[in-house]
C-alpha atoms as a PDB file:
ATOM      1  CA  MET A   1     -14.942  -2.624   0.960  1.00  0.00           C
ATOM      2  CA  ASN A   2     -13.566  -2.167  -2.559  1.00  0.00           C
ATOM      3  CA  ILE A   3     -10.195  -0.747  -3.556  1.00  0.00           C
ATOM      4  CA  ALA A   4     -11.518   2.774  -4.209  1.00  0.00           C
ATOM      5  CA  ASP A   5     -13.130   2.819  -0.748  1.00  0.00           C
ATOM      6  CA  ILE A   6      -9.870   1.730   0.892  1.00  0.00           C
ATOM      7  CA  CYS A   7      -7.890   4.373  -1.000  1.00  0.00           C
ATOM      8  CA  GLN A   8     -10.365   7.073   0.017  1.00  0.00           C
ATOM      9  CA  LEU A   9     -10.300   5.895   3.627  1.00  0.00           C
ATOM     10  CA  ILE A  10      -6.494   6.056   3.772  1.00  0.00           C
ATOM     11  CA  HIS A  11      -6.316   9.366   1.897  1.00  0.00           C
ATOM     12  CA  LYS A  12      -8.778  11.090   4.249  1.00  0.00           C
ATOM     13  CA  ALA A  13      -7.147   9.800   7.439  1.00  0.00           C
ATOM     14  CA  GLN A  14      -4.604  11.863   9.345  1.00  0.00           C
ATOM     15  CA  PHE A  15      -1.597   9.796  10.330  1.00  0.00           C
ATOM     16  CA  ARG A  16       1.116  10.875  12.741  1.00  0.00           C
ATOM     17  CA  PHE A  17       4.351   9.193  11.753  1.00  0.00           C
ATOM     18  CA  THR A  18       8.071   9.707  11.568  1.00  0.00           C
ATOM     19  CA  ASN A  19       8.911   6.460   9.790  1.00  0.00           C
ATOM     20  CA  GLU A  20       7.343   3.754   7.676  1.00  0.00           C
ATOM     21  CA  ALA A  21       6.656   1.462  10.651  1.00  0.00           C
ATOM     22  CA  ASP A  22       4.610   4.208  12.349  1.00  0.00           C
ATOM     23  CA  LEU A  23       2.590   4.769   9.185  1.00  0.00           C
ATOM     24  CA  GLN A  24       1.975   1.040   8.773  1.00  0.00           C
ATOM     25  CA  ALA A  25       0.754   0.849  12.368  1.00  0.00           C
ATOM     26  CA  GLY A  26      -1.663   3.714  11.706  1.00  0.00           C
ATOM     27  CA  ILE A  27      -2.986   2.061   8.563  1.00  0.00           C
ATOM     28  CA  ALA A  28      -3.409  -1.249  10.408  1.00  0.00           C
ATOM     29  CA  GLN A  29      -5.410   0.508  13.111  1.00  0.00           C
ATOM     30  CA  LEU A  30      -7.577   2.257  10.510  1.00  0.00           C
ATOM     31  CA  LEU A  31      -8.277  -0.959   8.590  1.00  0.00           C
ATOM     32  CA  THR A  32      -9.115  -2.758  11.826  1.00  0.00           C
ATOM     33  CA  GLU A  33     -11.484   0.007  12.931  1.00  0.00           C
ATOM     34  CA  GLN A  34     -13.218  -0.144   9.546  1.00  0.00           C
ATOM     35  CA  ARG A  35     -13.454  -3.943   9.745  1.00  0.00           C
ATOM     36  CA  VAL A  36     -11.360  -4.552   6.641  1.00  0.00           C
ATOM     37  CA  GLY A  37     -10.010  -8.099   6.831  1.00  0.00           C
ATOM     38  CA  PHE A  38      -6.257  -8.168   6.263  1.00  0.00           C
ATOM     39  CA  GLN A  39      -2.942  -9.752   7.136  1.00  0.00           C
ATOM     40  CA  ARG A  40       0.275  -7.852   7.800  1.00  0.00           C
ATOM     41  CA  GLU A  41       3.789  -8.624   6.659  1.00  0.00           C
ATOM     42  CA  VAL A  42       2.759 -11.437   4.317  1.00  0.00           C
ATOM     43  CA  ARG A  43       5.879 -13.242   3.123  1.00  0.00           C
ATOM     44  CA  VAL A  44       5.575 -14.051  -0.596  1.00  0.00           C
ATOM     45  CA  SER A  45       9.199 -14.926  -1.349  1.00  0.00           C
ATOM     46  CA  LYS A  46      12.591 -15.043   0.286  1.00  0.00           C
ATOM     47  CA  GLN A  47      13.093 -11.349  -0.425  1.00  0.00           C
ATOM     48  CA  ASP A  48       9.536 -10.012  -0.542  1.00  0.00           C
ATOM     49  CA  ARG A  49       6.934  -9.307   2.094  1.00  0.00           C
ATOM     50  CA  LEU A  50       3.645  -7.504   1.458  1.00  0.00           C
ATOM     51  CA  ASP A  51       2.954  -4.775   4.014  1.00  0.00           C
ATOM     52  CA  PHE A  52      -0.757  -5.679   3.920  1.00  0.00           C
ATOM     53  CA  LEU A  53      -2.900  -8.158   2.033  1.00  0.00           C
ATOM     54  CA  THR A  54      -6.665  -7.770   2.345  1.00  0.00           C
ATOM     55  CA  ASP A  55      -9.005 -10.729   2.356  1.00  0.00           C
ATOM     56  CA  GLY A  56     -10.081  -9.604  -1.134  1.00  0.00           C
ATOM     57  CA  GLY A  57      -6.569  -9.859  -2.584  1.00  0.00           C
ATOM     58  CA  ILE A  58      -5.601  -6.184  -2.429  1.00  0.00           C
ATOM     59  CA  ALA A  59      -1.898  -5.751  -1.674  1.00  0.00           C
ATOM     60  CA  ILE A  60      -1.081  -2.499   0.101  1.00  0.00           C
ATOM     61  CA  GLU A  61       2.515  -1.303  -0.023  1.00  0.00           C
ATOM     62  CA  VAL A  62       3.615   1.650   2.124  1.00  0.00           C
ATOM     63  CA  LYS A  63       6.528   3.875   1.069  1.00  0.00           C
ATOM     64  CA  ILE A  64       7.771   7.085   2.619  1.00  0.00           C
ATOM     65  CA  ASP A  65      10.889   7.019   0.456  1.00  0.00           C
ATOM     66  CA  GLY A  66      12.469   4.943  -2.268  1.00  0.00           C
ATOM     67  CA  ALA A  67      13.670   5.387  -5.801  1.00  0.00           C
ATOM     68  CA  LEU A  68      10.956   5.151  -8.437  1.00  0.00           C
ATOM     69  CA  ALA A  69      12.741   2.285 -10.222  1.00  0.00           C
ATOM     70  CA  THR A  70      13.098   0.296  -7.000  1.00  0.00           C
ATOM     71  CA  VAL A  71       9.440   0.730  -6.052  1.00  0.00           C
ATOM     72  CA  THR A  72       8.377  -0.165  -9.605  1.00  0.00           C
ATOM     73  CA  ARG A  73      10.347  -3.429  -9.572  1.00  0.00           C
ATOM     74  CA  GLN A  74       8.932  -4.287  -6.166  1.00  0.00           C
ATOM     75  CA  LEU A  75       5.336  -3.714  -7.312  1.00  0.00           C
ATOM     76  CA  TYR A  76       5.872  -5.862 -10.415  1.00  0.00           C
ATOM     77  CA  ARG A  77       7.089  -8.724  -8.208  1.00  0.00           C
ATOM     78  CA  TYR A  78       4.013  -8.332  -5.988  1.00  0.00           C
ATOM     79  CA  ALA A  79       1.687  -8.231  -8.986  1.00  0.00           C
ATOM     80  CA  ALA A  80       3.062 -11.598 -10.104  1.00  0.00           C
ATOM     81  CA  GLU A  81       1.751 -13.244  -6.925  1.00  0.00           C
ATOM     82  CA  LYS A  82      -1.344 -15.448  -7.349  1.00  0.00           C
ATOM     83  CA  GLY A  83      -3.201 -14.080  -4.341  1.00  0.00           C
ATOM     84  CA  VAL A  84      -2.730 -10.445  -5.372  1.00  0.00           C
ATOM     85  CA  HIS A  85      -5.514  -9.114  -7.607  1.00  0.00           C
ATOM     86  CA  GLN A  86      -5.042  -5.348  -7.166  1.00  0.00           C
ATOM     87  CA  LEU A  87      -2.407  -3.092  -5.632  1.00  0.00           C
ATOM     88  CA  ILE A  88      -2.387   0.103  -3.616  1.00  0.00           C
ATOM     89  CA  LEU A  89       0.754   2.148  -3.104  1.00  0.00           C
ATOM     90  CA  VAL A  90       0.458   4.463  -0.108  1.00  0.00           C
ATOM     91  CA  THR A  91       3.219   7.021  -0.474  1.00  0.00           C
ATOM     92  CA  THR A  92       4.465  10.381   0.704  1.00  0.00           C
ATOM     93  CA  ARG A  93       6.564  10.848  -2.440  1.00  0.00           C
ATOM     94  CA  MET A  94       5.228  12.839  -5.375  1.00  0.00           C
ATOM     95  CA  LYS A  95       7.624  11.041  -7.736  1.00  0.00           C
ATOM     96  CA  HIS A  96       5.762   7.783  -7.118  1.00  0.00           C
ATOM     97  CA  ARG A  97       2.731   9.255  -8.897  1.00  0.00           C
ATOM     98  CA  GLN A  98       4.582   8.539 -12.161  1.00  0.00           C
ATOM     99  CA  LEU A  99       3.846   4.828 -11.851  1.00  0.00           C
ATOM    100  CA  PRO A 100       1.499   3.259 -14.423  1.00  0.00           C
ATOM    101  CA  GLN A 101      -2.167   2.520 -13.718  1.00  0.00           C
ATOM    102  CA  THR A 102      -1.541  -1.189 -14.158  1.00  0.00           C
ATOM    103  CA  VAL A 103       1.403  -3.290 -13.046  1.00  0.00           C
ATOM    104  CA  GLY A 104       1.789  -6.797 -14.390  1.00  0.00           C
ATOM    105  CA  GLY A 105      -1.754  -6.594 -15.732  1.00  0.00           C
ATOM    106  CA  LYS A 106      -3.202  -5.702 -12.326  1.00  0.00           C
ATOM    107  CA  PRO A 107      -4.696  -2.331 -11.345  1.00  0.00           C
ATOM    108  CA  LEU A 108      -2.460  -0.049  -9.293  1.00  0.00           C
ATOM    109  CA  TYR A 109      -3.967   2.742  -7.219  1.00  0.00           C
ATOM    110  CA  ILE A 110      -1.664   5.375  -5.758  1.00  0.00           C
ATOM    111  CA  THR A 111      -2.699   7.117  -2.558  1.00  0.00           C
ATOM    112  CA  HIS A 112      -0.563  10.117  -1.713  1.00  0.00           C
ATOM    113  CA  ILE A 113      -0.586  11.205   1.920  1.00  0.00           C
ATOM    114  CA  SER A 114       1.159  13.805   4.040  1.00  0.00           C
ATOM    115  CA  PRO A 115       2.125  13.482   7.689  1.00  0.00           C
ATOM    116  CA  PHE A 116      -0.176  15.147  10.193  1.00  0.00           C
ATOM    117  CA  TYR A 117       1.731  17.212  12.723  1.00  0.00           C
ATOM    118  CA  GLY A 118      -1.171  18.733  14.681  1.00  0.00           C
END
């Protein structure tokens, strides 16, 4: 499954969540159901941990809040990792859509989602 497929899959899903951990659990379940190979909570440095890293080198970061500058710095650190070839930011924040299309020379896809309350 390529990065566009994963973004579409996440965007179309309806997640029930009240915090970032709930959303991450929902994404993990979705990726598992779709047979996307991944690891969770991949430690890449003393301070950094990728929320998800697919077998194809796609880092998936989940944010339901966070200042644009903070998220940007975090994504640049992740992009510097050898095993990361592309990045997806799954976010509930419209302000995160201001991020560039590439970060550290690697493609960044932004998937905006809204909580499902039904």
